[in-house]
Amino acid sequence: MLLIDTHIHIYLPEFNEDRVQLIENSVVAGISTFFMPAIDSTTHEIMLQVEDEFQPCIAMMGLHPCSVKNDYLQELETVKTWLQKRKFIAVGETGLDLYWDKTFLVQQYEAFHAQIEWALNYDLPVVIHSRDATAECIKVVQQYKNLRGVFHCFSGTIDQAKEIIDLGFYLGIGGVVTFKNGGLDKVIEQLGIANVVMETDAPYLAPVPFRGKRNHPEYLMHIARKISTVSGKDLREVVDITSANARKLFNLK
């Protein structure tokens, strides 16, 4: 079984001490590929360095909504320049975040729209961050045709999940599916996994029984097991379906 982690920040400082060992262990455990979402210009260099050093790691390019500040136009120009320079697996992560700070909400929308346009121009999927903003992000996506992508760390309602699937998008399911009151178990039970990809979002959002600790790429299997339980499908089928979805969405050969 070969798993694909569609969203992991393995390049962040939290992994500086044991990155090599964690990646090696994860590959042995059957995780074949790690998709790394960009944050902003402060981490592009180390992200691309990790991509160069570790074959399983593949980079995206984008501006995280929480990094949309006074200098957002300069940050967007940096993203644009990188997209012109070389190929990336996706544009992201981008989107809206209404949880941490709404000071630059207008600018978040502007940055989101700009990155969607680039995703369309380069025929790339867009990876959407939508914390406390699922409905708002759905409304933005509805304005575009031929856009494809994933709602990373989906934590919305069943109705929102249906809207996202109807748009041709995937649901990024991670550690939250293991949380007692996360609500994702009901989504998976009702809608199945035909439009699901798996992710860890490591070092964040570790699944139960590691909740509150640093998330590891190896914990993707805990997410797969939980999805297997709530979907009624065996583990191999969960891995096969979600990995096939990831390969299709990200055009992975």
Protein backbone atom coordinates (compact mmCIF):
# COMPACT_ATOMS: atom_id res chain seq x y z
CA MET A 1 0.00 0.00 0.00
CA LEU A 2 1.39 3.38 -1.02
CA LEU A 3 -0.05 6.38 0.76
CA ILE A 4 0.17 10.01 -0.38
CA ASP A 5 0.29 12.83 2.16
CA THR A 6 -1.25 15.70 0.19
CA HIS A 7 -0.45 18.41 2.74
CA ILE A 8 2.59 18.44 5.01
CA HIS A 9 4.94 21.20 6.18
CA ILE A 10 7.92 18.87 6.60
CA TYR A 11 10.28 21.78 5.89
CA LEU A 12 9.38 23.77 9.03
CA PRO A 13 11.80 24.16 11.97
CA GLU A 14 9.80 21.67 14.04
CA PHE A 15 11.44 18.95 11.92
CA ASN A 16 14.99 20.29 11.78
CA GLU A 17 16.33 17.77 14.28
CA ASP A 18 14.88 14.58 12.81
CA ARG A 19 13.61 15.36 9.30
CA VAL A 20 15.82 12.77 7.60
CA GLN A 21 14.80 10.00 9.98
CA LEU A 22 11.11 10.86 9.80
CA ILE A 23 11.06 10.83 6.01
CA GLU A 24 13.00 7.56 5.88
CA ASN A 25 10.68 5.95 8.44
CA SER A 26 7.62 7.18 6.57
CA VAL A 27 8.81 5.78 3.26
CA VAL A 28 9.43 2.42 4.93
CA ALA A 29 5.90 2.65 6.38
CA GLY A 30 4.49 3.01 2.87
CA ILE A 31 4.09 6.77 2.39
CA SER A 32 5.39 7.34 -1.10
CA THR A 33 4.88 11.07 -1.61
CA PHE A 34 4.69 14.28 0.40
CA PHE A 35 3.11 17.41 -1.07
CA MET A 36 4.46 20.54 0.60
CA PRO A 37 2.26 23.66 0.61
CA ALA A 38 4.02 27.02 0.59
CA ILE A 39 3.49 29.63 3.30
CA ASP A 40 5.36 32.79 2.30
CA SER A 41 8.78 34.09 1.24
CA THR A 42 10.30 33.36 4.66
CA THR A 43 10.00 29.61 4.03
CA HIS A 44 10.28 29.22 0.24
CA GLU A 45 14.03 28.65 0.35
CA ILE A 46 13.97 25.86 2.94
CA MET A 47 10.91 24.26 1.31
CA LEU A 48 12.67 24.07 -2.06
CA GLN A 49 15.85 22.85 -0.40
CA VAL A 50 13.91 19.97 1.19
CA GLU A 51 12.40 19.19 -2.22
CA ASP A 52 15.89 19.02 -3.71
CA GLU A 53 17.21 16.77 -0.95
CA PHE A 54 14.32 14.32 -0.61
CA GLN A 55 12.78 12.73 -3.69
CA PRO A 56 9.38 12.00 -2.07
CA CYS A 57 8.86 15.72 -1.27
CA ILE A 58 7.17 17.87 -3.92
CA ALA A 59 6.56 21.61 -3.54
CA MET A 60 3.60 23.86 -4.19
CA MET A 61 3.83 27.63 -4.51
CA GLY A 62 1.50 30.17 -2.93
CA LEU A 63 0.78 32.69 -0.20
CA HIS A 64 -0.96 31.49 2.95
CA PRO A 65 -3.87 33.74 4.00
CA CYS A 66 -2.36 34.18 7.47
CA SER A 67 0.72 35.66 5.76
CA VAL A 68 -1.33 38.33 3.97
CA LYS A 69 -0.10 41.50 5.68
CA ASN A 70 0.97 45.00 4.64
CA ASP A 71 3.54 43.55 2.24
CA TYR A 72 1.10 41.17 0.53
CA LEU A 73 1.59 42.67 -2.93
CA GLN A 74 5.32 42.02 -2.69
CA GLU A 75 4.62 38.49 -1.46
CA LEU A 76 2.26 37.89 -4.37
CA GLU A 77 4.87 39.12 -6.80
CA THR A 78 7.30 36.59 -5.34
CA VAL A 79 4.77 33.79 -5.87
CA LYS A 80 4.13 34.97 -9.42
CA THR A 81 7.86 35.02 -10.17
CA TRP A 82 8.34 31.48 -8.87
CA LEU A 83 5.42 30.19 -10.93
CA GLN A 84 7.01 31.73 -14.01
CA LYS A 85 10.40 30.17 -13.22
CA ARG A 86 9.55 26.50 -12.83
CA LYS A 87 6.79 23.92 -12.47
CA PHE A 88 5.03 23.24 -9.19
CA ILE A 89 2.53 20.55 -8.23
CA ALA A 90 -0.15 23.09 -7.22
CA VAL A 91 -0.88 26.68 -6.25
CA GLY A 92 -1.23 26.96 -2.50
CA GLU A 93 -1.87 27.06 0.08
CA THR A 94 -4.15 30.02 -0.43
CA GLY A 95 -7.67 30.86 0.70
CA LEU A 96 -9.21 32.69 3.64
CA ASP A 97 -8.68 32.55 7.39
CA LEU A 98 -11.28 34.18 9.64
CA TYR A 99 -10.00 32.50 12.80
CA TRP A 100 -6.77 34.30 13.60
CA ASP A 101 -7.06 37.83 12.25
CA LYS A 102 -9.56 39.67 10.04
CA THR A 103 -7.47 42.85 9.75
CA PHE A 104 -6.43 42.09 6.17
CA LEU A 105 -9.59 40.29 5.06
CA VAL A 106 -10.02 42.43 1.93
CA GLN A 107 -6.41 41.71 1.01
CA GLN A 108 -6.92 37.98 1.72
CA TYR A 109 -9.71 37.96 -0.87
CA GLU A 110 -7.50 39.79 -3.37
CA ALA A 111 -4.64 37.35 -2.82
CA PHE A 112 -7.02 34.39 -3.10
CA HIS A 113 -8.45 35.57 -6.42
CA ALA A 114 -4.98 36.31 -7.82
CA GLN A 115 -3.74 32.82 -6.99
CA ILE A 116 -6.84 31.19 -8.45
CA GLU A 117 -6.14 33.04 -11.71
CA TRP A 118 -2.58 31.72 -11.70
CA ALA A 119 -3.81 28.19 -11.02
CA LEU A 120 -6.06 28.47 -14.08
CA ASN A 121 -3.30 30.01 -16.19
CA TYR A 122 -0.85 27.22 -15.37
CA ASP A 123 -3.47 24.46 -15.33
CA LEU A 124 -2.70 23.59 -11.71
CA PRO A 125 -4.95 22.58 -8.83
CA VAL A 126 -5.47 25.11 -6.05
CA VAL A 127 -5.05 24.08 -2.41
CA ILE A 128 -7.48 26.01 -0.23
CA HIS A 129 -7.12 26.94 3.43
CA SER A 130 -10.57 27.81 4.77
CA ARG A 131 -10.40 28.04 8.55
CA ASP A 132 -13.71 29.46 9.82
CA ALA A 133 -14.31 30.47 6.19
CA THR A 134 -15.60 27.39 4.38
CA ALA A 135 -18.77 29.10 3.13
CA GLU A 136 -16.82 32.16 2.02
CA CYS A 137 -14.28 30.05 0.12
CA ILE A 138 -17.03 28.07 -1.59
CA LYS A 139 -18.57 31.33 -2.82
CA VAL A 140 -15.22 32.40 -4.29
CA VAL A 141 -14.68 29.07 -6.06
CA GLN A 142 -18.20 29.21 -7.49
CA GLN A 143 -17.16 32.28 -9.49
CA TYR A 144 -14.75 30.27 -11.65
CA LYS A 145 -15.09 27.61 -14.31
CA ASN A 146 -12.66 24.74 -14.92
CA LEU A 147 -11.01 25.24 -11.53
CA ARG A 148 -9.94 22.13 -9.65
CA GLY A 149 -8.42 21.60 -6.26
CA VAL A 150 -8.89 20.57 -2.65
CA PHE A 151 -10.34 22.12 0.46
CA HIS A 152 -7.42 21.36 2.76
CA CYS A 153 -8.27 20.30 6.31
CA PHE A 154 -11.97 20.24 5.54
CA SER A 155 -14.02 20.64 8.72
CA GLY A 156 -17.35 21.89 7.43
CA THR A 157 -20.85 20.47 7.33
CA ILE A 158 -22.24 17.68 5.18
CA ASP A 159 -24.05 20.24 3.02
CA GLN A 160 -20.81 22.19 2.51
CA ALA A 161 -19.02 18.96 1.62
CA LYS A 162 -21.69 18.27 -1.01
CA GLU A 163 -21.24 21.79 -2.44
CA ILE A 164 -17.49 21.29 -2.66
CA ILE A 165 -17.85 17.91 -4.36
CA ASP A 166 -20.38 19.35 -6.79
CA LEU A 167 -17.75 21.95 -7.75
CA GLY A 168 -15.42 19.10 -8.71
CA PHE A 169 -13.17 19.66 -5.69
CA TYR A 170 -11.80 17.16 -3.21
CA LEU A 171 -12.01 17.10 0.58
CA GLY A 172 -8.64 17.05 2.34
CA ILE A 173 -9.13 14.83 5.40
CA GLY A 174 -6.58 14.77 8.20
CA GLY A 175 -6.32 14.26 11.94
CA VAL A 176 -9.61 16.02 12.69
CA VAL A 177 -11.45 12.91 11.47
CA THR A 178 -10.17 11.14 14.61
CA PHE A 179 -11.40 13.85 17.00
CA LYS A 180 -14.39 12.80 19.11
CA ASN A 181 -16.50 15.86 18.27
CA GLY A 182 -14.86 16.77 14.96
CA GLY A 183 -17.95 15.85 12.92
CA LEU A 184 -16.00 14.48 9.97
CA ASP A 185 -16.99 10.91 10.78
CA LYS A 186 -20.58 11.80 9.85
CA VAL A 187 -19.43 13.41 6.59
CA ILE A 188 -17.46 10.31 5.60
CA GLU A 189 -20.26 7.97 6.67
CA GLN A 190 -22.79 9.76 4.46
CA LEU A 191 -20.69 10.83 1.47
CA GLY A 192 -18.05 8.10 1.27
CA ILE A 193 -14.48 8.63 0.05
CA ALA A 194 -14.83 9.00 -3.71
CA ASN A 195 -13.80 12.65 -3.37
CA VAL A 196 -11.34 12.39 -0.47
CA VAL A 197 -7.58 12.82 -0.29
CA MET A 198 -5.58 12.27 2.88
CA GLU A 199 -3.21 14.68 4.61
CA THR A 200 -1.45 15.16 7.92
CA ASP A 201 -0.81 18.94 7.93
CA ALA A 202 2.19 18.00 10.08
CA PRO A 203 3.49 19.39 12.37
CA TYR A 204 -0.08 20.49 13.13
CA LEU A 205 -3.33 18.63 13.94
CA ALA A 206 -1.96 15.30 15.09
CA PRO A 207 -4.62 12.56 15.16
CA VAL A 208 -5.82 10.77 18.26
CA PRO A 209 -4.04 9.34 20.28
CA PHE A 210 -1.34 11.97 19.62
CA ARG A 211 -3.62 15.01 19.67
CA GLY A 212 -1.88 18.12 21.00
CA LYS A 213 1.60 16.79 20.18
CA ARG A 214 3.78 17.36 17.12
CA ASN A 215 2.22 15.62 14.16
CA HIS A 216 4.35 13.10 12.23
CA PRO A 217 4.07 12.00 8.60
CA GLU A 218 3.84 8.39 9.80
CA TYR A 219 0.55 9.25 11.50
CA LEU A 220 -1.13 9.30 8.09
CA MET A 221 -1.85 5.61 8.65
CA HIS A 222 -3.88 6.47 11.78
CA ILE A 223 -6.00 8.77 9.62
CA ALA A 224 -6.41 6.02 7.00
CA ARG A 225 -7.53 3.53 9.67
CA LYS A 226 -10.13 5.95 11.04
CA ILE A 227 -11.46 6.65 7.54
CA SER A 228 -11.65 2.89 7.00
CA THR A 229 -13.69 2.48 10.18
CA VAL A 230 -16.21 5.24 9.48
CA SER A 231 -16.55 4.52 5.74
CA GLY A 232 -16.95 0.77 6.11
CA LYS A 233 -14.21 0.12 3.55
CA ASP A 234 -11.14 -1.96 4.24
CA LEU A 235 -7.84 -0.20 4.78
CA ARG A 236 -6.33 -1.17 1.45
CA GLU A 237 -9.34 0.21 -0.41
CA VAL A 238 -9.11 3.50 1.49
CA VAL A 239 -5.44 3.83 0.59
CA ASP A 240 -6.00 2.87 -3.04
CA ILE A 241 -8.93 5.26 -3.55
CA THR A 242 -7.44 8.27 -1.78
CA SER A 243 -4.04 7.79 -3.43
CA ALA A 244 -5.66 7.49 -6.86
CA ASN A 245 -7.59 10.68 -6.15
CA ALA A 246 -4.37 12.46 -5.22
CA ARG A 247 -2.58 11.28 -8.34
CA LYS A 248 -5.48 12.44 -10.50
CA LEU A 249 -5.87 15.84 -8.83
CA PHE A 250 -2.17 16.68 -8.79
CA ASN A 251 -1.46 15.04 -12.15
CA LEU A 252 1.15 12.78 -10.59
CA LYS A 253 2.59 10.30 -13.05
